[in-house]
Structures are given as C-alpha cells and as structure tokens.
C-alpha cells in the first residue's frame, strides 16, 4: 500500500505547480501554503479511494473463499438466502 508520503511525492511529481481560475477571468498560481494544503487534501482523498478499493477486493476474495469452502456458487448462495 502506498504511504501518505509516497502519495504526496506522486502528486507533486504530477503537479509541480497548481493554479486556480478559468479561461474568462484568468488563472492565479497557488502560493506555497495553498499548494501544500491542496496536495495534502488530494493525497488524503487518493489514499481513501485506494483503501476503499482494497476493502472491496478483500471482501470479494473472502466471499469467494467462503463459497469455495462451502462448495457452492454465488448463485446457489443467493438462492439459499432468498
């Protein structure tokens, strides 16, 4: 699993600078403090997404292992629970 420090490094490599704004009103580059805050926010968000994905994968693996142990398919388990 990627650590927060590693994720921050990845985001900084992908986005050496950040700016806010739009084409109509123009763009303003974030200062150092705003840049760091935004990078930390993005790192937390990406790590949360990775953890959620990993949890879903673990649940699917656990379910498949249990079904295999019981010797039934997912469809058969659904029939038993209906």
C-alpha atoms as a PDB file:
ATOM      1  CA  UNK A   1       0.000   0.000   0.000  1.00  0.00           C
ATOM      2  CA  UNK A   2       1.190   3.477  -0.796  1.00  0.00           C
ATOM      3  CA  UNK A   3       2.122   5.636   2.187  1.00  0.00           C
ATOM      4  CA  UNK A   4       0.941   9.209   2.546  1.00  0.00           C
ATOM      5  CA  UNK A   5       4.488  10.486   1.940  1.00  0.00           C
ATOM      6  CA  UNK A   6       4.728   8.428  -1.258  1.00  0.00           C
ATOM      7  CA  UNK A   7       1.336   9.688  -2.439  1.00  0.00           C
ATOM      8  CA  UNK A   8       2.382  13.284  -1.779  1.00  0.00           C
ATOM      9  CA  UNK A   9       5.541  12.717  -3.827  1.00  0.00           C
ATOM     10  CA  UNK A  10       3.494  11.252  -6.686  1.00  0.00           C
ATOM     11  CA  UNK A  11       1.067  14.182  -6.678  1.00  0.00           C
ATOM     12  CA  UNK A  12       3.890  16.729  -6.557  1.00  0.00           C
ATOM     13  CA  UNK A  13       5.606  14.992  -9.481  1.00  0.00           C
ATOM     14  CA  UNK A  14       2.337  15.063 -11.455  1.00  0.00           C
ATOM     15  CA  UNK A  15       1.596  18.682 -10.489  1.00  0.00           C
ATOM     16  CA  UNK A  16       4.764  20.716  -9.880  1.00  0.00           C
ATOM     17  CA  UNK A  17       2.593  23.839  -9.766  1.00  0.00           C
ATOM     18  CA  UNK A  18      -1.100  24.433  -9.256  1.00  0.00           C
ATOM     19  CA  UNK A  19      -3.295  27.275 -10.368  1.00  0.00           C
ATOM     20  CA  UNK A  20      -6.910  28.196  -9.872  1.00  0.00           C
ATOM     21  CA  UNK A  21      -9.246  30.156 -12.094  1.00  0.00           C
ATOM     22  CA  UNK A  22     -10.813  29.873 -15.515  1.00  0.00           C
ATOM     23  CA  UNK A  23     -10.294  30.969 -19.095  1.00  0.00           C
ATOM     24  CA  UNK A  24     -12.542  34.001 -18.754  1.00  0.00           C
ATOM     25  CA  UNK A  25     -11.078  35.544 -15.620  1.00  0.00           C
ATOM     26  CA  UNK A  26      -7.585  34.104 -15.871  1.00  0.00           C
ATOM     27  CA  UNK A  27      -5.569  31.869 -13.615  1.00  0.00           C
ATOM     28  CA  UNK A  28      -3.683  32.509 -10.400  1.00  0.00           C
ATOM     29  CA  UNK A  29      -0.884  30.253  -9.234  1.00  0.00           C
ATOM     30  CA  UNK A  30      -1.285  28.926  -5.689  1.00  0.00           C
ATOM     31  CA  UNK A  31       1.238  30.130  -3.144  1.00  0.00           C
ATOM     32  CA  UNK A  32       3.377  27.584  -1.275  1.00  0.00           C
ATOM     33  CA  UNK A  33       0.991  27.167   1.661  1.00  0.00           C
ATOM     34  CA  UNK A  34      -2.071  26.771  -0.586  1.00  0.00           C
ATOM     35  CA  UNK A  35      -0.141  24.340  -2.795  1.00  0.00           C
ATOM     36  CA  UNK A  36       0.855  22.176   0.178  1.00  0.00           C
ATOM     37  CA  UNK A  37      -2.689  22.222   1.574  1.00  0.00           C
ATOM     38  CA  UNK A  38      -4.166  21.172  -1.776  1.00  0.00           C
ATOM     39  CA  UNK A  39      -1.588  18.399  -2.222  1.00  0.00           C
ATOM     40  CA  UNK A  40      -2.333  17.060   1.275  1.00  0.00           C
ATOM     41  CA  UNK A  41      -6.067  17.148   0.538  1.00  0.00           C
ATOM     42  CA  UNK A  42      -5.580  15.249  -2.712  1.00  0.00           C
ATOM     43  CA  UNK A  43      -3.270  12.710  -1.048  1.00  0.00           C
ATOM     44  CA  UNK A  44      -5.854  12.003   1.654  1.00  0.00           C
ATOM     45  CA  UNK A  45      -8.550  11.602  -0.984  1.00  0.00           C
ATOM     46  CA  UNK A  46      -6.498   9.264  -3.153  1.00  0.00           C
ATOM     47  CA  UNK A  47      -5.474   7.159  -0.156  1.00  0.00           C
ATOM     48  CA  UNK A  48      -9.106   6.887   0.952  1.00  0.00           C
ATOM     49  CA  UNK A  49     -10.058   5.746  -2.549  1.00  0.00           C
ATOM     50  CA  UNK A  50      -7.259   3.160  -2.554  1.00  0.00           C
ATOM     51  CA  UNK A  51      -8.328   1.871   0.869  1.00  0.00           C
ATOM     52  CA  UNK A  52     -11.943   1.584  -0.242  1.00  0.00           C
ATOM     53  CA  UNK A  53     -10.900  -0.321  -3.366  1.00  0.00           C
ATOM     54  CA  UNK A  54      -8.697  -2.641  -1.300  1.00  0.00           C
ATOM     55  CA  UNK A  55     -11.539  -3.279   1.159  1.00  0.00           C
ATOM     56  CA  UNK A  56     -13.901  -4.182  -1.675  1.00  0.00           C
ATOM     57  CA  UNK A  57     -11.315  -6.538  -3.165  1.00  0.00           C
ATOM     58  CA  UNK A  58     -10.721  -8.180   0.242  1.00  0.00           C
ATOM     59  CA  UNK A  59     -14.462  -8.685   0.688  1.00  0.00           C
ATOM     60  CA  UNK A  60     -14.782 -10.263  -2.756  1.00  0.00           C
ATOM     61  CA  UNK A  61     -11.808 -12.547  -2.074  1.00  0.00           C
ATOM     62  CA  UNK A  62     -13.214 -13.535   1.330  1.00  0.00           C
ATOM     63  CA  UNK A  63     -16.614 -14.250  -0.230  1.00  0.00           C
ATOM     64  CA  UNK A  64     -15.076 -16.391  -2.973  1.00  0.00           C
ATOM     65  CA  UNK A  65     -13.034 -18.326  -0.400  1.00  0.00           C
ATOM     66  CA  UNK A  66     -16.102 -18.968   1.738  1.00  0.00           C
ATOM     67  CA  UNK A  67     -18.169 -20.101  -1.230  1.00  0.00           C
ATOM     68  CA  UNK A  68     -15.360 -22.423  -2.298  1.00  0.00           C
ATOM     69  CA  UNK A  69     -15.130 -23.801   1.240  1.00  0.00           C
ATOM     70  CA  UNK A  70     -18.869 -24.450   1.241  1.00  0.00           C
ATOM     71  CA  UNK A  71     -18.696 -25.915  -2.255  1.00  0.00           C
ATOM     72  CA  UNK A  72     -21.427 -23.681  -3.681  1.00  0.00           C
ATOM     73  CA  UNK A  73     -21.629 -20.960  -6.285  1.00  0.00           C
ATOM     74  CA  UNK A  74     -22.659 -17.351  -5.705  1.00  0.00           C
ATOM     75  CA  UNK A  75     -25.966 -18.065  -7.434  1.00  0.00           C
ATOM     76  CA  UNK A  76     -26.625 -21.017  -5.136  1.00  0.00           C
ATOM     77  CA  UNK A  77     -25.843 -18.852  -2.096  1.00  0.00           C
ATOM     78  CA  UNK A  78     -28.360 -16.266  -3.323  1.00  0.00           C
ATOM     79  CA  UNK A  79     -30.997 -18.972  -3.621  1.00  0.00           C
ATOM     80  CA  UNK A  80     -30.308 -20.100  -0.057  1.00  0.00           C
ATOM     81  CA  UNK A  81     -30.678 -16.555   1.247  1.00  0.00           C
ATOM     82  CA  UNK A  82     -33.887 -15.754  -0.629  1.00  0.00           C
END
